[in-house]
Amino acid sequence: MSEKISFVSAVAELMPTLEQYVPVVDRVHGANHPEFHEVRAVFNVINTKIQSERALDLSDEFNQLRMITDNYIIPEDVCESYEAVYDMLKALNDAYLSSNDKL
C-alpha cells in the first residue's frame, strides 16, 4: 500500500482481514514472538474503538504499536500472514496519521 488512502478507506479495506489474521498469527507465533500478544491486545483496543463509531483518537494505540513492533519491522522467521499483519497495521497507521477523516 504505497499510495495514500483515507483512514476511513483503510479501515474498510484492512480491518476485516486484520480481524481474521491477528488471532491466528498470535496463536501460531505467540510462543516464539511474545510481543505479538501485545500487538493483538492493542489491535483489539483499536478495533473496539473503531466499532464504537465515535470520534476516534488512536494516537496512543498507534504509538504503542510502533514501539512494540519497532516501527513494523518484520521478524525474519515468520510466515507471510505475520508479515501481512504488520504491513496492514503500518498502512492503517500511515492512513491515520495522514488523514483528516478519522471517523
PDB file of N, CA and C in Angstrom:
ATOM      1  N   MET A   1       0.833  -1.184   0.000  1.00  0.00           N
ATOM      2  CA  MET A   1       0.000   0.000   0.000  1.00  0.00           C
ATOM      3  C   MET A   1       0.876   1.246   0.000  1.00  0.00           C
ATOM      4  N   SER A   2       1.419   1.577  -1.117  1.00  0.00           N
ATOM      5  CA  SER A   2       2.323   2.707  -1.178  1.00  0.00           C
ATOM      6  C   SER A   2       1.584   4.023  -1.368  1.00  0.00           C
ATOM      7  N   GLU A   3       0.404   4.011  -1.974  1.00  0.00           N
ATOM      8  CA  GLU A   3      -0.312   5.249  -2.175  1.00  0.00           C
ATOM      9  C   GLU A   3      -1.091   5.602  -0.915  1.00  0.00           C
ATOM     10  N   LYS A   4      -1.296   6.907  -0.713  1.00  0.00           N
ATOM     11  CA  LYS A   4      -2.028   7.347   0.467  1.00  0.00           C
ATOM     12  C   LYS A   4      -3.516   7.126   0.267  1.00  0.00           C
ATOM     13  N   ILE A   5      -4.137   6.564   1.290  1.00  0.00           N
ATOM     14  CA  ILE A   5      -5.582   6.398   1.273  1.00  0.00           C
ATOM     15  C   ILE A   5      -6.129   7.002   2.554  1.00  0.00           C
ATOM     16  N   SER A   6      -7.406   7.330   2.536  1.00  0.00           N
ATOM     17  CA  SER A   6      -8.013   7.905   3.727  1.00  0.00           C
ATOM     18  C   SER A   6      -8.110   6.853   4.818  1.00  0.00           C
ATOM     19  N   PHE A   7      -8.217   7.320   6.032  1.00  0.00           N
ATOM     20  CA  PHE A   7      -8.334   6.397   7.153  1.00  0.00           C
ATOM     21  C   PHE A   7      -9.619   5.578   7.046  1.00  0.00           C
ATOM     22  N   VAL A   8     -10.709   6.223   6.675  1.00  0.00           N
ATOM     23  CA  VAL A   8     -11.984   5.519   6.536  1.00  0.00           C
ATOM     24  C   VAL A   8     -11.855   4.404   5.496  1.00  0.00           C
ATOM     25  N   SER A   9     -11.208   4.707   4.382  1.00  0.00           N
ATOM     26  CA  SER A   9     -10.995   3.693   3.343  1.00  0.00           C
ATOM     27  C   SER A   9     -10.086   2.577   3.838  1.00  0.00           C
ATOM     28  N   ALA A  10      -9.038   2.945   4.565  1.00  0.00           N
ATOM     29  CA  ALA A  10      -8.115   1.943   5.108  1.00  0.00           C
ATOM     30  C   ALA A  10      -8.833   1.023   6.080  1.00  0.00           C
ATOM     31  N   VAL A  11      -9.676   1.581   6.917  1.00  0.00           N
ATOM     32  CA  VAL A  11     -10.449   0.766   7.863  1.00  0.00           C
ATOM     33  C   VAL A  11     -11.339  -0.208   7.104  1.00  0.00           C
ATOM     34  N   ALA A  12     -12.059   0.298   6.114  1.00  0.00           N
ATOM     35  CA  ALA A  12     -12.967  -0.551   5.344  1.00  0.00           C
ATOM     36  C   ALA A  12     -12.210  -1.659   4.614  1.00  0.00           C
ATOM     37  N   GLU A  13     -11.041  -1.337   4.108  1.00  0.00           N
ATOM     38  CA  GLU A  13     -10.263  -2.294   3.331  1.00  0.00           C
ATOM     39  C   GLU A  13      -9.515  -3.302   4.198  1.00  0.00           C
ATOM     40  N   LEU A  14      -8.950  -2.845   5.321  1.00  0.00           N
ATOM     41  CA  LEU A  14      -7.998  -3.666   6.067  1.00  0.00           C
ATOM     42  C   LEU A  14      -8.565  -4.363   7.305  1.00  0.00           C
ATOM     43  N   MET A  15      -9.509  -3.756   7.966  1.00  0.00           N
ATOM     44  CA  MET A  15      -9.967  -4.324   9.245  1.00  0.00           C
ATOM     45  C   MET A  15     -10.569  -5.719   9.123  1.00  0.00           C
ATOM     46  N   PRO A  16     -11.364  -6.025   8.107  1.00  0.00           N
ATOM     47  CA  PRO A  16     -11.896  -7.395   8.037  1.00  0.00           C
ATOM     48  C   PRO A  16     -10.790  -8.455   7.975  1.00  0.00           C
ATOM     49  N   THR A  17      -9.750  -8.189   7.216  1.00  0.00           N
ATOM     50  CA  THR A  17      -8.642  -9.145   7.114  1.00  0.00           C
ATOM     51  C   THR A  17      -7.854  -9.182   8.413  1.00  0.00           C
ATOM     52  N   LEU A  18      -7.594  -8.020   8.997  1.00  0.00           N
ATOM     53  CA  LEU A  18      -6.873  -7.984  10.267  1.00  0.00           C
ATOM     54  C   LEU A  18      -7.635  -8.739  11.352  1.00  0.00           C
ATOM     55  N   GLU A  19      -8.949  -8.595  11.379  1.00  0.00           N
ATOM     56  CA  GLU A  19      -9.757  -9.311  12.373  1.00  0.00           C
ATOM     57  C   GLU A  19      -9.586 -10.821  12.240  1.00  0.00           C
ATOM     58  N   GLN A  20      -9.371 -11.299  11.028  1.00  0.00           N
ATOM     59  CA  GLN A  20      -9.158 -12.729  10.805  1.00  0.00           C
ATOM     60  C   GLN A  20      -7.728 -13.137  11.125  1.00  0.00           C
ATOM     61  N   TYR A  21      -6.755 -12.359  10.666  1.00  0.00           N
ATOM     62  CA  TYR A  21      -5.346 -12.744  10.753  1.00  0.00           C
ATOM     63  C   TYR A  21      -4.746 -12.594  12.146  1.00  0.00           C
ATOM     64  N   VAL A  22      -5.075 -11.520  12.841  1.00  0.00           N
ATOM     65  CA  VAL A  22      -4.405 -11.238  14.117  1.00  0.00           C
ATOM     66  C   VAL A  22      -4.541 -12.385  15.115  1.00  0.00           C
ATOM     67  N   PRO A  23      -5.732 -12.935  15.364  1.00  0.00           N
ATOM     68  CA  PRO A  23      -5.814 -14.050  16.318  1.00  0.00           C
ATOM     69  C   PRO A  23      -5.041 -15.288  15.862  1.00  0.00           C
ATOM     70  N   VAL A  24      -5.055 -15.556  14.565  1.00  0.00           N
ATOM     71  CA  VAL A  24      -4.352 -16.731  14.045  1.00  0.00           C
ATOM     72  C   VAL A  24      -2.842 -16.558  14.191  1.00  0.00           C
ATOM     73  N   VAL A  25      -2.341 -15.393  13.794  1.00  0.00           N
ATOM     74  CA  VAL A  25      -0.903 -15.141  13.910  1.00  0.00           C
ATOM     75  C   VAL A  25      -0.480 -15.186  15.373  1.00  0.00           C
ATOM     76  N   ASP A  26      -1.304 -14.667  16.256  1.00  0.00           N
ATOM     77  CA  ASP A  26      -0.990 -14.714  17.681  1.00  0.00           C
ATOM     78  C   ASP A  26      -0.895 -16.159  18.168  1.00  0.00           C
ATOM     79  N   ARG A  27      -1.838 -16.979  17.747  1.00  0.00           N
ATOM     80  CA  ARG A  27      -1.835 -18.386  18.158  1.00  0.00           C
ATOM     81  C   ARG A  27      -0.618 -19.129  17.588  1.00  0.00           C
ATOM     82  N   VAL A  28      -0.283 -18.868  16.340  1.00  0.00           N
ATOM     83  CA  VAL A  28       0.794 -19.595  15.674  1.00  0.00           C
ATOM     84  C   VAL A  28       2.172 -19.103  16.110  1.00  0.00           C
ATOM     85  N   HIS A  29       2.332 -17.800  16.263  1.00  0.00           N
ATOM     86  CA  HIS A  29       3.659 -17.230  16.503  1.00  0.00           C
ATOM     87  C   HIS A  29       3.873 -16.696  17.920  1.00  0.00           C
ATOM     88  N   GLY A  30       2.826 -16.666  18.723  1.00  0.00           N
ATOM     89  CA  GLY A  30       2.927 -16.059  20.051  1.00  0.00           C
ATOM     90  C   GLY A  30       3.994 -16.663  20.943  1.00  0.00           C
ATOM     91  N   ALA A  31       4.217 -17.957  20.837  1.00  0.00           N
ATOM     92  CA  ALA A  31       5.218 -18.609  21.692  1.00  0.00           C
ATOM     93  C   ALA A  31       6.632 -18.125  21.355  1.00  0.00           C
ATOM     94  N   ASN A  32       6.915 -17.976  20.070  1.00  0.00           N
ATOM     95  CA  ASN A  32       8.247 -17.523  19.658  1.00  0.00           C
ATOM     96  C   ASN A  32       8.375 -16.013  19.575  1.00  0.00           C
ATOM     97  N   HIS A  33       7.251 -15.334  19.479  1.00  0.00           N
ATOM     98  CA  HIS A  33       7.237 -13.876  19.392  1.00  0.00           C
ATOM     99  C   HIS A  33       6.205 -13.336  20.389  1.00  0.00           C
ATOM    100  N   PRO A  34       6.543 -13.359  21.680  1.00  0.00           N
ATOM    101  CA  PRO A  34       5.571 -12.933  22.694  1.00  0.00           C
ATOM    102  C   PRO A  34       5.122 -11.479  22.533  1.00  0.00           C
ATOM    103  N   GLU A  35       5.904 -10.673  21.824  1.00  0.00           N
ATOM    104  CA  GLU A  35       5.493  -9.287  21.581  1.00  0.00           C
ATOM    105  C   GLU A  35       4.192  -9.242  20.772  1.00  0.00           C
ATOM    106  N   PHE A  36       3.926 -10.318  20.030  1.00  0.00           N
ATOM    107  CA  PHE A  36       2.693 -10.309  19.237  1.00  0.00           C
ATOM    108  C   PHE A  36       1.456 -10.363  20.126  1.00  0.00           C
ATOM    109  N   HIS A  37       1.576 -10.905  21.333  1.00  0.00           N
ATOM    110  CA  HIS A  37       0.446 -10.862  22.274  1.00  0.00           C
ATOM    111  C   HIS A  37       0.072  -9.408  22.559  1.00  0.00           C
ATOM    112  N   GLU A  38       1.091  -8.559  22.686  1.00  0.00           N
ATOM    113  CA  GLU A  38       0.849  -7.124  22.899  1.00  0.00           C
ATOM    114  C   GLU A  38       0.246  -6.487  21.659  1.00  0.00           C
ATOM    115  N   VAL A  39       0.741  -6.873  20.492  1.00  0.00           N
ATOM    116  CA  VAL A  39       0.182  -6.364  19.234  1.00  0.00           C
ATOM    117  C   VAL A  39      -1.308  -6.689  19.176  1.00  0.00           C
ATOM    118  N   ARG A  40      -1.654  -7.920  19.516  1.00  0.00           N
ATOM    119  CA  ARG A  40      -3.061  -8.328  19.489  1.00  0.00           C
ATOM    120  C   ARG A  40      -3.891  -7.512  20.474  1.00  0.00           C
ATOM    121  N   ALA A  41      -3.362  -7.297  21.660  1.00  0.00           N
ATOM    122  CA  ALA A  41      -4.108  -6.529  22.673  1.00  0.00           C
ATOM    123  C   ALA A  41      -4.360  -5.097  22.196  1.00  0.00           C
ATOM    124  N   VAL A  42      -3.339  -4.464  21.628  1.00  0.00           N
ATOM    125  CA  VAL A  42      -3.501  -3.086  21.137  1.00  0.00           C
ATOM    126  C   VAL A  42      -4.444  -3.073  19.933  1.00  0.00           C
ATOM    127  N   PHE A  43      -4.292  -4.038  19.046  1.00  0.00           N
ATOM    128  CA  PHE A  43      -5.204  -4.132  17.913  1.00  0.00           C
ATOM    129  C   PHE A  43      -6.649  -4.255  18.398  1.00  0.00           C
ATOM    130  N   ASN A  44      -6.891  -5.054  19.416  1.00  0.00           N
ATOM    131  CA  ASN A  44      -8.249  -5.227  19.947  1.00  0.00           C
ATOM    132  C   ASN A  44      -8.820  -3.903  20.462  1.00  0.00           C
ATOM    133  N   VAL A  45      -7.980  -3.083  21.082  1.00  0.00           N
ATOM    134  CA  VAL A  45      -8.435  -1.766  21.544  1.00  0.00           C
ATOM    135  C   VAL A  45      -8.806  -0.891  20.341  1.00  0.00           C
ATOM    136  N   ILE A  46      -7.937  -0.887  19.340  1.00  0.00           N
ATOM    137  CA  ILE A  46      -8.221  -0.100  18.125  1.00  0.00           C
ATOM    138  C   ILE A  46      -9.534  -0.566  17.502  1.00  0.00           C
ATOM    139  N   ASN A  47      -9.694  -1.861  17.363  1.00  0.00           N
ATOM    140  CA  ASN A  47     -10.892  -2.416  16.744  1.00  0.00           C
ATOM    141  C   ASN A  47     -12.144  -2.050  17.542  1.00  0.00           C
ATOM    142  N   THR A  48     -12.067  -2.129  18.846  1.00  0.00           N
ATOM    143  CA  THR A  48     -13.206  -1.768  19.694  1.00  0.00           C
ATOM    144  C   THR A  48     -13.569  -0.301  19.518  1.00  0.00           C
ATOM    145  N   LYS A  49     -12.554   0.560  19.488  1.00  0.00           N
ATOM    146  CA  LYS A  49     -12.819   1.993  19.300  1.00  0.00           C
ATOM    147  C   LYS A  49     -13.434   2.261  17.931  1.00  0.00           C
ATOM    148  N   ILE A  50     -12.920   1.606  16.907  1.00  0.00           N
ATOM    149  CA  ILE A  50     -13.465   1.808  15.560  1.00  0.00           C
ATOM    150  C   ILE A  50     -14.914   1.341  15.504  1.00  0.00           C
ATOM    151  N   GLN A  51     -15.211   0.214  16.100  1.00  0.00           N
ATOM    152  CA  GLN A  51     -16.572  -0.317  16.071  1.00  0.00           C
ATOM    153  C   GLN A  51     -17.548   0.507  16.901  1.00  0.00           C
ATOM    154  N   SER A  52     -17.030   1.312  17.824  1.00  0.00           N
ATOM    155  CA  SER A  52     -17.913   2.146  18.641  1.00  0.00           C
ATOM    156  C   SER A  52     -18.490   3.308  17.840  1.00  0.00           C
ATOM    157  N   GLU A  53     -17.900   3.546  16.638  1.00  0.00           N
ATOM    158  CA  GLU A  53     -18.391   4.564  15.707  1.00  0.00           C
ATOM    159  C   GLU A  53     -18.493   5.952  16.322  1.00  0.00           C
ATOM    160  N   ARG A  54     -17.514   6.308  17.104  1.00  0.00           N
ATOM    161  CA  ARG A  54     -17.472   7.674  17.631  1.00  0.00           C
ATOM    162  C   ARG A  54     -16.158   8.301  17.183  1.00  0.00           C
ATOM    163  N   ALA A  55     -16.018   9.602  17.375  1.00  0.00           N
ATOM    164  CA  ALA A  55     -14.780  10.277  17.003  1.00  0.00           C
ATOM    165  C   ALA A  55     -13.617   9.593  17.702  1.00  0.00           C
ATOM    166  N   LEU A  56     -12.587   9.311  16.955  1.00  0.00           N
ATOM    167  CA  LEU A  56     -11.510   8.481  17.464  1.00  0.00           C
ATOM    168  C   LEU A  56     -10.233   9.244  17.700  1.00  0.00           C
ATOM    169  N   ASP A  57      -9.582   8.907  18.779  1.00  0.00           N
ATOM    170  CA  ASP A  57      -8.188   9.286  18.978  1.00  0.00           C
ATOM    171  C   ASP A  57      -7.438   7.987  19.203  1.00  0.00           C
ATOM    172  N   LEU A  58      -6.727   7.575  18.176  1.00  0.00           N
ATOM    173  CA  LEU A  58      -5.976   6.326  18.234  1.00  0.00           C
ATOM    174  C   LEU A  58      -4.472   6.583  18.320  1.00  0.00           C
ATOM    175  N   SER A  59      -4.105   7.795  18.630  1.00  0.00           N
ATOM    176  CA  SER A  59      -2.683   8.158  18.675  1.00  0.00           C
ATOM    177  C   SER A  59      -1.902   7.287  19.644  1.00  0.00           C
ATOM    178  N   ASP A  60      -2.424   7.092  20.841  1.00  0.00           N
ATOM    179  CA  ASP A  60      -1.717   6.273  21.833  1.00  0.00           C
ATOM    180  C   ASP A  60      -1.549   4.834  21.356  1.00  0.00           C
ATOM    181  N   GLU A  61      -2.608   4.294  20.770  1.00  0.00           N
ATOM    182  CA  GLU A  61      -2.550   2.911  20.313  1.00  0.00           C
ATOM    183  C   GLU A  61      -1.531   2.741  19.178  1.00  0.00           C
ATOM    184  N   PHE A  62      -1.524   3.659  18.228  1.00  0.00           N
ATOM    185  CA  PHE A  62      -0.545   3.541  17.144  1.00  0.00           C
ATOM    186  C   PHE A  62       0.873   3.792  17.647  1.00  0.00           C
ATOM    187  N   ASN A  63       1.032   4.682  18.621  1.00  0.00           N
ATOM    188  CA  ASN A  63       2.361   4.857  19.238  1.00  0.00           C
ATOM    189  C   ASN A  63       2.817   3.559  19.895  1.00  0.00           C
ATOM    190  N   GLN A  64       1.905   2.896  20.598  1.00  0.00           N
ATOM    191  CA  GLN A  64       2.240   1.617  21.234  1.00  0.00           C
ATOM    192  C   GLN A  64       2.630   0.579  20.194  1.00  0.00           C
ATOM    193  N   LEU A  65       1.862   0.491  19.106  1.00  0.00           N
ATOM    194  CA  LEU A  65       2.195  -0.488  18.069  1.00  0.00           C
ATOM    195  C   LEU A  65       3.567  -0.210  17.454  1.00  0.00           C
ATOM    196  N   ARG A  66       3.862   1.059  17.209  1.00  0.00           N
ATOM    197  CA  ARG A  66       5.181   1.383  16.649  1.00  0.00           C
ATOM    198  C   ARG A  66       6.296   0.977  17.605  1.00  0.00           C
ATOM    199  N   MET A  67       6.091   1.160  18.890  1.00  0.00           N
ATOM    200  CA  MET A  67       7.111   0.772  19.867  1.00  0.00           C
ATOM    201  C   MET A  67       7.233  -0.750  19.951  1.00  0.00           C
ATOM    202  N   ILE A  68       6.127  -1.443  20.050  1.00  0.00           N
ATOM    203  CA  ILE A  68       6.136  -2.908  20.182  1.00  0.00           C
ATOM    204  C   ILE A  68       6.787  -3.557  18.968  1.00  0.00           C
ATOM    205  N   THR A  69       6.489  -3.037  17.784  1.00  0.00           N
ATOM    206  CA  THR A  69       6.939  -3.665  16.540  1.00  0.00           C
ATOM    207  C   THR A  69       8.232  -3.061  16.008  1.00  0.00           C
ATOM    208  N   ASP A  70       8.806  -2.114  16.737  1.00  0.00           N
ATOM    209  CA  ASP A  70       9.994  -1.402  16.266  1.00  0.00           C
ATOM    210  C   ASP A  70       9.716  -0.806  14.886  1.00  0.00           C
ATOM    211  N   ASN A  71       8.635  -0.056  14.808  1.00  0.00           N
ATOM    212  CA  ASN A  71       8.185   0.579  13.566  1.00  0.00           C
ATOM    213  C   ASN A  71       7.840  -0.438  12.479  1.00  0.00           C
ATOM    214  N   TYR A  72       7.175  -1.487  12.897  1.00  0.00           N
ATOM    215  CA  TYR A  72       6.642  -2.504  11.988  1.00  0.00           C
ATOM    216  C   TYR A  72       7.734  -3.272  11.241  1.00  0.00           C
ATOM    217  N   ILE A  73       8.862  -3.480  11.882  1.00  0.00           N
ATOM    218  CA  ILE A  73       9.914  -4.314  11.293  1.00  0.00           C
ATOM    219  C   ILE A  73       9.496  -5.771  11.440  1.00  0.00           C
ATOM    220  N   ILE A  74       9.514  -6.481  10.336  1.00  0.00           N
ATOM    221  CA  ILE A  74       9.042  -7.859  10.293  1.00  0.00           C
ATOM    222  C   ILE A  74      10.173  -8.801  10.695  1.00  0.00           C
ATOM    223  N   PRO A  75       9.955  -9.639  11.711  1.00  0.00           N
ATOM    224  CA  PRO A  75      10.978 -10.623  12.079  1.00  0.00           C
ATOM    225  C   PRO A  75      11.279 -11.558  10.911  1.00  0.00           C
ATOM    226  N   GLU A  76      12.485 -12.066  10.872  1.00  0.00           N
ATOM    227  CA  GLU A  76      12.914 -12.902   9.746  1.00  0.00           C
ATOM    228  C   GLU A  76      12.300 -14.293   9.744  1.00  0.00           C
ATOM    229  N   ASP A  77      11.858 -14.780  10.883  1.00  0.00           N
ATOM    230  CA  ASP A  77      11.423 -16.172  10.989  1.00  0.00           C
ATOM    231  C   ASP A  77       9.903 -16.340  11.051  1.00  0.00           C
ATOM    232  N   VAL A  78       9.177 -15.484  10.350  1.00  0.00           N
ATOM    233  CA  VAL A  78       7.719 -15.539  10.423  1.00  0.00           C
ATOM    234  C   VAL A  78       7.113 -15.830   9.054  1.00  0.00           C
ATOM    235  N   CYS A  79       5.849 -16.195   9.081  1.00  0.00           N
ATOM    236  CA  CYS A  79       5.135 -16.541   7.857  1.00  0.00           C
ATOM    237  C   CYS A  79       4.604 -15.291   7.150  1.00  0.00           C
ATOM    238  N   GLU A  80       4.045 -15.526   5.973  1.00  0.00           N
ATOM    239  CA  GLU A  80       3.504 -14.424   5.182  1.00  0.00           C
ATOM    240  C   GLU A  80       2.323 -13.738   5.876  1.00  0.00           C
ATOM    241  N   SER A  81       1.572 -14.477   6.659  1.00  0.00           N
ATOM    242  CA  SER A  81       0.437 -13.872   7.362  1.00  0.00           C
ATOM    243  C   SER A  81       0.906 -12.886   8.421  1.00  0.00           C
ATOM    244  N   TYR A  82       1.962 -13.239   9.131  1.00  0.00           N
ATOM    245  CA  TYR A  82       2.549 -12.336  10.126  1.00  0.00           C
ATOM    246  C   TYR A  82       3.018 -11.063   9.422  1.00  0.00           C
ATOM    247  N   GLU A  83       3.733 -11.248   8.321  1.00  0.00           N
ATOM    248  CA  GLU A  83       4.217 -10.113   7.535  1.00  0.00           C
ATOM    249  C   GLU A  83       3.045  -9.256   7.043  1.00  0.00           C
ATOM    250  N   ALA A  84       1.993  -9.901   6.578  1.00  0.00           N
ATOM    251  CA  ALA A  84       0.821  -9.172   6.095  1.00  0.00           C
ATOM    252  C   ALA A  84       0.180  -8.346   7.209  1.00  0.00           C
ATOM    253  N   VAL A  85       0.119  -8.901   8.424  1.00  0.00           N
ATOM    254  CA  VAL A  85      -0.456  -8.164   9.550  1.00  0.00           C
ATOM    255  C   VAL A  85       0.346  -6.889   9.805  1.00  0.00           C
ATOM    256  N   TYR A  86       1.659  -7.001   9.867  1.00  0.00           N
ATOM    257  CA  TYR A  86       2.482  -5.817  10.094  1.00  0.00           C
ATOM    258  C   TYR A  86       2.310  -4.807   8.965  1.00  0.00           C
ATOM    259  N   ASP A  87       2.269  -5.286   7.730  1.00  0.00           N
ATOM    260  CA  ASP A  87       2.077  -4.387   6.590  1.00  0.00           C
ATOM    261  C   ASP A  87       0.731  -3.674   6.671  1.00  0.00           C
ATOM    262  N   MET A  88      -0.320  -4.408   7.024  1.00  0.00           N
ATOM    263  CA  MET A  88      -1.648  -3.800   7.134  1.00  0.00           C
ATOM    264  C   MET A  88      -1.728  -2.826   8.306  1.00  0.00           C
ATOM    265  N   LEU A  89      -1.131  -3.191   9.439  1.00  0.00           N
ATOM    266  CA  LEU A  89      -1.128  -2.276  10.586  1.00  0.00           C
ATOM    267  C   LEU A  89      -0.366  -1.000  10.258  1.00  0.00           C
ATOM    268  N   LYS A  90       0.743  -1.120   9.553  1.00  0.00           N
ATOM    269  CA  LYS A  90       1.510   0.055   9.148  1.00  0.00           C
ATOM    270  C   LYS A  90       0.696   0.918   8.191  1.00  0.00           C
ATOM    271  N   ALA A  91       0.010   0.296   7.240  1.00  0.00           N
ATOM    272  CA  ALA A  91      -0.827   1.044   6.308  1.00  0.00           C
ATOM    273  C   ALA A  91      -1.952   1.771   7.041  1.00  0.00           C
ATOM    274  N   LEU A  92      -2.559   1.101   8.012  1.00  0.00           N
ATOM    275  CA  LEU A  92      -3.611   1.721   8.818  1.00  0.00           C
ATOM    276  C   LEU A  92      -3.040   2.883   9.622  1.00  0.00           C
ATOM    277  N   ASN A  93      -1.886   2.674  10.213  1.00  0.00           N
ATOM    278  CA  ASN A  93      -1.199   3.710  10.970  1.00  0.00           C
ATOM    279  C   ASN A  93      -0.893   4.913  10.074  1.00  0.00           C
ATOM    280  N   ASP A  94      -0.330   4.659   8.906  1.00  0.00           N
ATOM    281  CA  ASP A  94       0.018   5.743   7.984  1.00  0.00           C
ATOM    282  C   ASP A  94      -1.221   6.509   7.534  1.00  0.00           C
ATOM    283  N   ALA A  95      -2.299   5.791   7.246  1.00  0.00           N
ATOM    284  CA  ALA A  95      -3.546   6.447   6.844  1.00  0.00           C
ATOM    285  C   ALA A  95      -4.087   7.304   7.980  1.00  0.00           C
ATOM    286  N   TYR A  96      -3.994   6.801   9.194  1.00  0.00           N
ATOM    287  CA  TYR A  96      -4.470   7.561  10.355  1.00  0.00           C
ATOM    288  C   TYR A  96      -3.669   8.854  10.512  1.00  0.00           C
ATOM    289  N   LEU A  97      -2.354   8.748  10.398  1.00  0.00           N
ATOM    290  CA  LEU A  97      -1.502   9.923  10.594  1.00  0.00           C
ATOM    291  C   LEU A  97      -1.658  10.966   9.495  1.00  0.00           C
ATOM    292  N   SER A  98      -1.977  10.532   8.296  1.00  0.00           N
ATOM    293  CA  SER A  98      -2.020  11.475   7.175  1.00  0.00           C
ATOM    294  C   SER A  98      -3.439  11.897   6.787  1.00  0.00           C
ATOM    295  N   SER A  99      -4.426  11.389   7.477  1.00  0.00           N
ATOM    296  CA  SER A  99      -5.804  11.608   7.063  1.00  0.00           C
ATOM    297  C   SER A  99      -6.528  12.575   7.988  1.00  0.00           C
ATOM    298  N   ASN A 100      -7.465  13.305   7.405  1.00  0.00           N
ATOM    299  CA  ASN A 100      -8.300  14.190   8.193  1.00  0.00           C
ATOM    300  C   ASN A 100      -9.663  13.579   8.496  1.00  0.00           C
ATOM    301  N   ASP A 101      -9.894  12.371   8.002  1.00  0.00           N
ATOM    302  CA  ASP A 101     -11.216  11.736   8.172  1.00  0.00           C
ATOM    303  C   ASP A 101     -11.142  10.602   9.188  1.00  0.00           C
ATOM    304  N   LYS A 102     -10.859  10.938  10.421  1.00  0.00           N
ATOM    305  CA  LYS A 102     -10.627   9.936  11.455  1.00  0.00           C
ATOM    306  C   LYS A 102     -11.923   9.437  12.075  1.00  0.00           C
ATOM    307  N   LEU A 103     -12.881   9.120  11.260  1.00  0.00           N
ATOM    308  CA  LEU A 103     -14.178   8.587  11.651  1.00  0.00           C
ATOM    309  C   LEU A 103     -14.936   9.596  12.432  1.00  0.00           C
TER     310      LEU A 103
END
